[in-house]
Amino acid sequence: MSDPEYAVKLSVVLPIFNEIGSLSELDRQLSEAVTSLGFPCEVVCVDDGSTDGSWARLQELSSSNPMYRMVKLRRNYGQSAALAAGVDVARGEFIVLMDADLQNDPADIPRLMNEVHKGFDLVSGWRRSRQDFFWSRRLPSIIANSLIAKVTDVDLHDIGCTLKIYRSEYIKDITIYGEMHRFLPALVRQAGGKIGEIEVNHHARKYGKSKYGIERTAKVVLDLMTVQFLGFFGSKPIYIFGGAGLACMIVSVLTLIYIVIDKILFGKSLIESPLLLLSVMFTLVGIQFLVIGLLAELIVRVWHESQGKLPYKITRIVSCGQNEV
C-alpha cells in the first residue's frame, strides 16, 4: 500500500526530445510494465523542446490514458533540466528515470521495483550487453565510468545508464543541472543513500538519431570536478580556500627565513634577491585566498539560513522502542 504522503506509489519520468517515432511502441511497453505492478503509478513525459511533433503525439496519449502526465518545456534545455522538471512534477514514493528511445526496456521496471524494496535508496541499471557503437558510445562510457567510480568511490559498472529507480526523498533533495544526471548515484551516496545495481536489457536504437556524442566526455570531467567540490567543500569552503591561503603563507615565511639566513651567512643583499618579491607575492596571494574563504563561508551561511536548509537529514527517531518519525 502507498505511503499516504504520496499520491502514487511509482512515477516513471521520461525526458523526450524528437522521439516521435518511438512513442507509440513506448506507450504499449510502458502500459504493460506498469499495469503488471498492481498499484497506482504515473508516467511523467517531459517534452524538451521537440520540433518533430512529439508534443502533439504525447497529448494524444494523455487523452486516452490517465496514467500520463505531460510537461512541455519552453525550449530545449538538455537532458538534466528535463529530468529535473519531471522529478519536480512526479508524485510517487519511488521515481524511475529512463530514456524514451526504446533502448531502455520498460519490462525492467518491475525488477527495479523489487530490488529497491530490499533496502536500497537507489538501484541502477547495468547494460551488460550494450547495443551501441564501440568507438562513439561504449568506449567513452567505459572511460567515464572508470573515472567517476575512482573519483566518487561509487562502485557501479554502468553509472551512465539512465534507467534507475530512486526513493523520492533522495532525488527530490538534489538539484539537477548541467550534465549532473550522470552523477546522481554519487550525490545520493553523499546524502547517505544505499545503492544497488542489477543487470538490465538494452536494445539498439530503432528510431531517430542519438543525442549523445563523444564531446560529452569533456563535460563529464568538468561536472565531476563540480560534484566533488560541492560534496566535500560545499558546506565548508574555508577548508579549501583557507588551506590554500595557509599554504601560501607558509611558503612565504619559509622563503623569508631563507633570505635572512642567506643575508647573515653570505652577506647577500635583500633588495637584489628575487626571492623577496616572491615572498611578498605569496603573502598577498595567501591573504586573498583567506578572504575568499571567509566570504564563501558567509555566502553558504546566508544561503542555508534563507532557504531554511538544515546541515543534516534524519532517517528515524525512536523513543521507548517506538518510531516517532
Protein backbone atom coordinates (compact mmCIF):
# COMPACT_ATOMS: atom_id res chain seq x y z
CA MET A 1 0.00 0.00 0.00
CA SER A 2 1.28 3.51 -0.85
CA ASP A 3 2.52 5.87 1.84
CA PRO A 4 -0.32 8.36 2.42
CA GLU A 5 2.18 11.17 1.88
CA TYR A 6 2.41 10.21 -1.80
CA ALA A 7 -0.32 10.39 -4.44
CA VAL A 8 1.02 7.30 -6.24
CA LYS A 9 3.47 4.51 -5.48
CA LEU A 10 5.65 4.89 -8.57
CA SER A 11 6.44 7.69 -11.03
CA VAL A 12 8.25 6.97 -14.31
CA VAL A 13 9.99 10.08 -15.68
CA LEU A 14 10.84 10.27 -19.39
CA PRO A 15 12.78 13.16 -20.97
CA ILE A 16 11.72 13.42 -24.61
CA PHE A 17 13.40 15.30 -27.45
CA ASN A 18 12.34 14.49 -31.02
CA GLU A 19 11.32 10.88 -30.31
CA ILE A 20 8.01 10.75 -32.19
CA GLY A 21 8.96 7.51 -33.93
CA SER A 22 9.27 5.58 -30.68
CA LEU A 23 6.31 6.97 -28.71
CA SER A 24 3.58 4.54 -29.82
CA GLU A 25 5.67 1.45 -29.10
CA LEU A 26 6.93 3.01 -25.88
CA ASP A 27 3.34 3.60 -24.79
CA ARG A 28 2.48 -0.07 -25.34
CA GLN A 29 5.53 -1.37 -23.48
CA LEU A 30 5.13 1.06 -20.59
CA SER A 31 1.44 0.24 -20.19
CA GLU A 32 2.23 -3.47 -19.97
CA ALA A 33 5.05 -2.97 -17.46
CA VAL A 34 3.21 -0.51 -15.21
CA THR A 35 -0.10 -2.40 -15.25
CA SER A 36 1.65 -5.58 -14.10
CA LEU A 37 2.75 -3.85 -10.87
CA GLY A 38 -0.76 -3.72 -9.45
CA PHE A 39 -0.53 -0.38 -7.62
CA PRO A 40 -1.08 3.30 -8.55
CA CYS A 41 1.53 4.60 -11.00
CA GLU A 42 2.06 7.60 -13.23
CA VAL A 43 4.22 8.32 -16.26
CA VAL A 44 5.63 11.86 -16.45
CA CYS A 45 6.71 12.75 -20.00
CA VAL A 46 8.81 15.91 -20.34
CA ASP A 47 8.93 17.35 -23.87
CA ASP A 48 12.30 19.10 -24.00
CA GLY A 49 11.53 21.45 -26.90
CA SER A 50 10.80 18.80 -29.56
CA THR A 51 10.28 20.01 -33.14
CA ASP A 52 9.11 16.76 -34.77
CA GLY A 53 5.54 16.60 -33.48
CA SER A 54 6.35 14.67 -30.31
CA TRP A 55 4.24 17.03 -28.17
CA ALA A 56 1.12 16.50 -30.27
CA ARG A 57 1.56 12.74 -30.02
CA LEU A 58 2.07 12.98 -26.25
CA GLN A 59 -1.18 14.92 -25.93
CA GLU A 60 -2.98 12.15 -27.80
CA LEU A 61 -1.56 9.54 -25.43
CA SER A 62 -2.53 11.64 -22.42
CA SER A 63 -6.13 11.97 -23.56
CA SER A 64 -6.53 8.20 -23.87
CA ASN A 65 -4.58 7.07 -20.79
CA PRO A 66 -5.00 8.72 -17.36
CA MET A 67 -1.64 7.47 -16.09
CA TYR A 68 0.16 10.01 -18.28
CA ARG A 69 1.13 13.50 -17.13
CA MET A 70 2.70 15.68 -19.80
CA VAL A 71 5.14 18.54 -19.21
CA LYS A 72 6.19 20.87 -22.02
CA LEU A 73 9.34 22.98 -21.66
CA ARG A 74 9.64 26.31 -23.47
CA ARG A 75 12.73 25.22 -25.41
CA ASN A 76 15.39 22.53 -25.47
CA TYR A 77 17.18 22.80 -22.12
CA GLY A 78 19.01 19.47 -22.18
CA GLN A 79 18.53 16.09 -20.54
CA SER A 80 19.44 17.12 -16.98
CA ALA A 81 16.96 20.01 -16.98
CA ALA A 82 14.23 17.81 -18.47
CA LEU A 83 14.82 15.16 -15.80
CA ALA A 84 14.78 17.84 -13.09
CA ALA A 85 11.41 19.11 -14.35
CA GLY A 86 10.00 15.59 -14.36
CA VAL A 87 11.26 14.84 -10.86
CA ASP A 88 9.76 18.09 -9.55
CA VAL A 89 6.36 17.16 -11.03
CA ALA A 90 6.50 13.48 -10.00
CA ARG A 91 4.27 12.47 -7.07
CA GLY A 92 5.48 8.91 -6.49
CA GLU A 93 7.10 7.35 -3.46
CA PHE A 94 9.60 5.85 -5.91
CA ILE A 95 10.81 7.50 -9.11
CA VAL A 96 12.17 5.69 -12.17
CA LEU A 97 14.23 7.65 -14.69
CA MET A 98 14.63 6.21 -18.18
CA ASP A 99 15.22 7.23 -21.79
CA ALA A 100 12.37 7.37 -24.28
CA ASP A 101 14.26 5.96 -27.28
CA LEU A 102 13.33 2.31 -26.51
CA GLN A 103 16.95 1.40 -25.75
CA ASN A 104 15.97 1.10 -22.09
CA ASP A 105 13.41 -1.68 -21.58
CA PRO A 106 10.23 -0.82 -19.62
CA ALA A 107 9.97 -4.53 -18.74
CA ASP A 108 12.86 -3.97 -16.32
CA ILE A 109 10.79 -1.59 -14.16
CA PRO A 110 9.16 -4.36 -12.03
CA ARG A 111 12.62 -5.86 -11.39
CA LEU A 112 13.96 -2.48 -10.28
CA MET A 113 10.95 -2.09 -8.00
CA ASN A 114 11.55 -5.48 -6.41
CA GLU A 115 15.23 -4.69 -5.86
CA VAL A 116 14.69 -1.27 -4.26
CA HIS A 117 12.43 -2.91 -1.67
CA LYS A 118 15.45 -4.84 -0.39
CA GLY A 119 16.51 -1.71 1.47
CA PHE A 120 18.15 0.33 -1.28
CA ASP A 121 17.59 4.03 -1.87
CA LEU A 122 18.79 3.83 -5.47
CA VAL A 123 19.03 0.86 -7.81
CA SER A 124 20.97 1.42 -11.02
CA GLY A 125 20.68 -0.48 -14.27
CA TRP A 126 23.73 -2.18 -15.75
CA ARG A 127 23.66 -2.50 -19.55
CA ARG A 128 25.95 -5.52 -19.60
CA SER A 129 25.13 -6.36 -23.24
CA ARG A 130 25.06 -2.81 -24.53
CA GLN A 131 23.84 -2.36 -28.11
CA ASP A 132 25.79 0.75 -29.14
CA PHE A 133 28.75 1.55 -31.39
CA PHE A 134 32.01 0.86 -29.58
CA TRP A 135 34.13 3.88 -30.55
CA SER A 136 31.49 6.59 -30.33
CA ARG A 137 29.43 5.36 -27.36
CA ARG A 138 30.78 2.38 -25.46
CA LEU A 139 34.46 3.36 -25.22
CA PRO A 140 33.75 6.91 -23.90
CA SER A 141 31.27 5.33 -21.48
CA ILE A 142 33.87 2.83 -20.20
CA ILE A 143 36.37 5.65 -19.64
CA ALA A 144 33.78 7.87 -17.95
CA ASN A 145 32.52 5.04 -15.71
CA SER A 146 36.06 4.21 -14.57
CA LEU A 147 36.90 7.85 -13.90
CA ILE A 148 33.68 8.55 -12.00
CA ALA A 149 34.00 5.34 -9.96
CA LYS A 150 37.56 6.19 -8.89
CA VAL A 151 36.85 9.81 -8.01
CA THR A 152 33.47 9.37 -6.30
CA ASP A 153 34.04 5.89 -4.80
CA VAL A 154 30.68 4.75 -6.21
CA ASP A 155 31.35 1.23 -7.46
CA LEU A 156 28.84 0.79 -10.30
CA HIS A 157 29.54 -0.94 -13.61
CA ASP A 158 27.37 1.48 -15.61
CA ILE A 159 26.89 4.77 -13.78
CA GLY A 160 25.86 6.46 -17.04
CA CYS A 161 22.79 4.25 -17.54
CA THR A 162 19.71 6.47 -17.28
CA LEU A 163 17.48 3.59 -16.15
CA LYS A 164 17.47 3.83 -12.36
CA ILE A 165 14.95 3.83 -9.53
CA TYR A 166 15.16 6.22 -6.58
CA ARG A 167 13.38 6.76 -3.32
CA SER A 168 11.64 10.07 -3.81
CA GLU A 169 13.06 11.78 -0.72
CA TYR A 170 16.60 11.33 -2.02
CA ILE A 171 16.27 12.50 -5.61
CA LYS A 172 13.94 15.40 -4.81
CA ASP A 173 16.60 16.83 -2.49
CA ILE A 174 19.10 17.03 -5.37
CA THR A 175 19.32 19.95 -7.80
CA ILE A 176 19.97 18.51 -11.28
CA TYR A 177 21.64 20.83 -13.80
CA GLY A 178 24.42 20.83 -16.41
CA GLU A 179 25.16 17.14 -17.02
CA MET A 180 24.62 16.30 -13.36
CA HIS A 181 22.15 13.49 -14.07
CA ARG A 182 25.21 11.30 -14.67
CA PHE A 183 26.35 11.82 -11.09
CA LEU A 184 23.09 11.16 -9.29
CA PRO A 185 24.46 7.96 -7.67
CA ALA A 186 27.41 9.95 -6.27
CA LEU A 187 25.06 12.64 -4.96
CA VAL A 188 22.76 10.03 -3.40
CA ARG A 189 25.79 8.39 -1.76
CA GLN A 190 26.89 11.76 -0.37
CA ALA A 191 23.39 12.14 1.09
CA GLY A 192 23.77 8.80 2.91
CA GLY A 193 21.81 6.63 0.48
CA LYS A 194 22.34 2.90 -0.07
CA ILE A 195 22.97 1.97 -3.71
CA GLY A 196 22.34 -1.29 -5.57
CA GLU A 197 22.70 -2.47 -9.15
CA ILE A 198 21.04 -5.06 -11.40
CA GLU A 199 21.57 -6.11 -15.00
CA VAL A 200 19.01 -4.65 -17.40
CA ASN A 201 18.15 -5.15 -21.05
CA HIS A 202 19.48 -2.80 -23.68
CA HIS A 203 18.31 -2.54 -27.27
CA ALA A 204 19.73 -0.96 -30.40
CA ARG A 205 18.13 2.37 -31.34
CA LYS A 206 15.25 1.80 -33.79
CA TYR A 207 14.05 5.36 -34.39
CA GLY A 208 15.67 8.77 -34.72
CA LYS A 209 19.26 9.76 -34.02
CA SER A 210 21.27 9.59 -30.83
CA LYS A 211 21.69 12.87 -28.93
CA TYR A 212 24.86 11.61 -27.28
CA GLY A 213 28.35 12.22 -28.63
CA ILE A 214 31.99 11.87 -27.65
CA GLU A 215 32.11 15.61 -26.91
CA ARG A 216 30.17 14.94 -23.71
CA THR A 217 33.27 13.35 -22.18
CA ALA A 218 34.80 16.79 -21.54
CA LYS A 219 31.57 17.93 -19.88
CA VAL A 220 31.63 14.84 -17.68
CA VAL A 221 35.14 15.69 -16.42
CA LEU A 222 34.18 19.30 -15.62
CA ASP A 223 30.94 18.31 -13.89
CA LEU A 224 32.82 15.62 -11.95
CA MET A 225 35.08 18.34 -10.53
CA THR A 226 31.99 20.32 -9.52
CA VAL A 227 30.36 17.32 -7.83
CA GLN A 228 33.47 16.55 -5.82
CA PHE A 229 34.00 20.15 -4.78
CA LEU A 230 30.39 20.65 -3.71
CA GLY A 231 30.29 17.29 -1.98
CA PHE A 232 33.37 17.80 0.16
CA PHE A 233 33.71 21.58 0.44
CA GLY A 234 30.25 22.93 -0.40
CA SER A 235 29.29 23.38 3.25
CA LYS A 236 32.76 24.44 4.47
CA PRO A 237 34.55 26.28 1.62
CA ILE A 238 37.02 27.79 4.10
CA TYR A 239 38.70 24.37 4.26
CA ILE A 240 39.90 24.53 0.65
CA PHE A 241 40.42 28.29 0.29
CA GLY A 242 41.77 28.68 3.81
CA GLY A 243 44.05 25.68 3.30
CA ALA A 244 45.42 27.18 0.09
CA GLY A 245 45.88 30.52 1.86
CA LEU A 246 47.76 28.98 4.77
CA ALA A 247 49.97 27.02 2.37
CA CYS A 248 50.89 30.24 0.56
CA MET A 249 51.63 31.97 3.86
CA ILE A 250 53.88 29.10 4.98
CA VAL A 251 55.81 29.23 1.69
CA SER A 252 56.17 32.99 2.16
CA VAL A 253 57.55 32.62 5.70
CA LEU A 254 59.97 29.85 4.69
CA THR A 255 61.20 31.95 1.77
CA LEU A 256 61.73 34.93 4.05
CA ILE A 257 63.66 32.79 6.56
CA TYR A 258 65.87 31.54 3.74
CA ILE A 259 66.55 35.12 2.59
CA VAL A 260 67.52 36.24 6.11
CA ILE A 261 69.83 33.23 6.63
CA ASP A 262 71.39 33.89 3.22
CA LYS A 263 71.97 37.51 4.21
CA ILE A 264 73.55 36.62 7.58
CA LEU A 265 75.80 33.82 6.32
CA PHE A 266 76.79 35.12 2.90
CA GLY A 267 76.04 38.84 3.10
CA LYS A 268 73.74 38.86 0.06
CA SER A 269 71.57 41.94 -0.47
CA LEU A 270 67.89 41.52 0.43
CA ILE A 271 66.81 44.05 -2.19
CA GLU A 272 68.63 42.35 -5.05
CA SER A 273 67.18 38.91 -4.30
CA PRO A 274 64.11 37.96 -6.39
CA LEU A 275 63.04 35.72 -3.52
CA LEU A 276 61.96 38.75 -1.51
CA LEU A 277 59.44 39.66 -4.21
CA LEU A 278 58.33 36.01 -4.31
CA SER A 279 57.77 36.05 -0.55
CA VAL A 280 55.66 39.20 -0.77
CA MET A 281 53.65 37.71 -3.65
CA PHE A 282 52.89 34.52 -1.72
CA THR A 283 51.81 36.60 1.28
CA LEU A 284 49.36 38.62 -0.83
CA VAL A 285 48.00 35.52 -2.56
CA GLY A 286 47.58 33.79 0.80
CA ILE A 287 45.64 36.74 2.19
CA GLN A 288 43.41 36.73 -0.91
CA PHE A 289 42.65 33.02 -0.50
CA LEU A 290 41.77 33.51 3.17
CA VAL A 291 39.46 36.43 2.36
CA ILE A 292 37.76 34.42 -0.42
CA GLY A 293 37.25 31.54 2.00
CA LEU A 294 35.66 33.79 4.61
CA LEU A 295 33.38 35.39 2.01
CA ALA A 296 32.38 31.92 0.76
CA GLU A 297 31.56 30.90 4.34
CA LEU A 298 29.29 33.94 4.67
CA ILE A 299 27.55 33.11 1.38
CA VAL A 300 26.99 29.48 2.42
CA ARG A 301 25.62 30.55 5.81
CA VAL A 302 23.25 33.12 4.26
CA TRP A 303 22.07 30.55 1.70
CA HIS A 304 21.37 27.88 4.34
CA GLU A 305 19.50 30.32 6.58
CA SER A 306 17.48 31.95 3.77
CA GLN A 307 16.45 28.58 2.33
CA GLY A 308 15.77 27.03 5.72
CA LYS A 309 18.34 24.32 4.89
CA LEU A 310 19.49 22.01 7.64
CA PRO A 311 23.01 20.52 7.68
CA TYR A 312 21.56 17.04 8.33
CA LYS A 313 18.78 14.62 7.35
CA ILE A 314 17.01 12.46 9.95
CA THR A 315 16.10 8.93 8.90
CA ARG A 316 14.29 7.85 12.08
CA ILE A 317 13.62 8.86 15.69
CA VAL A 318 12.94 6.09 18.21
CA SER A 319 11.62 6.59 21.74
CA CYS A 320 10.81 3.73 24.14
CA GLY A 321 11.15 1.30 21.28
CA GLN A 322 8.56 3.14 19.16
CA ASN A 323 9.20 5.12 15.99
CA GLU A 324 8.37 8.80 16.39
CA VAL A 325 9.29 9.66 12.79
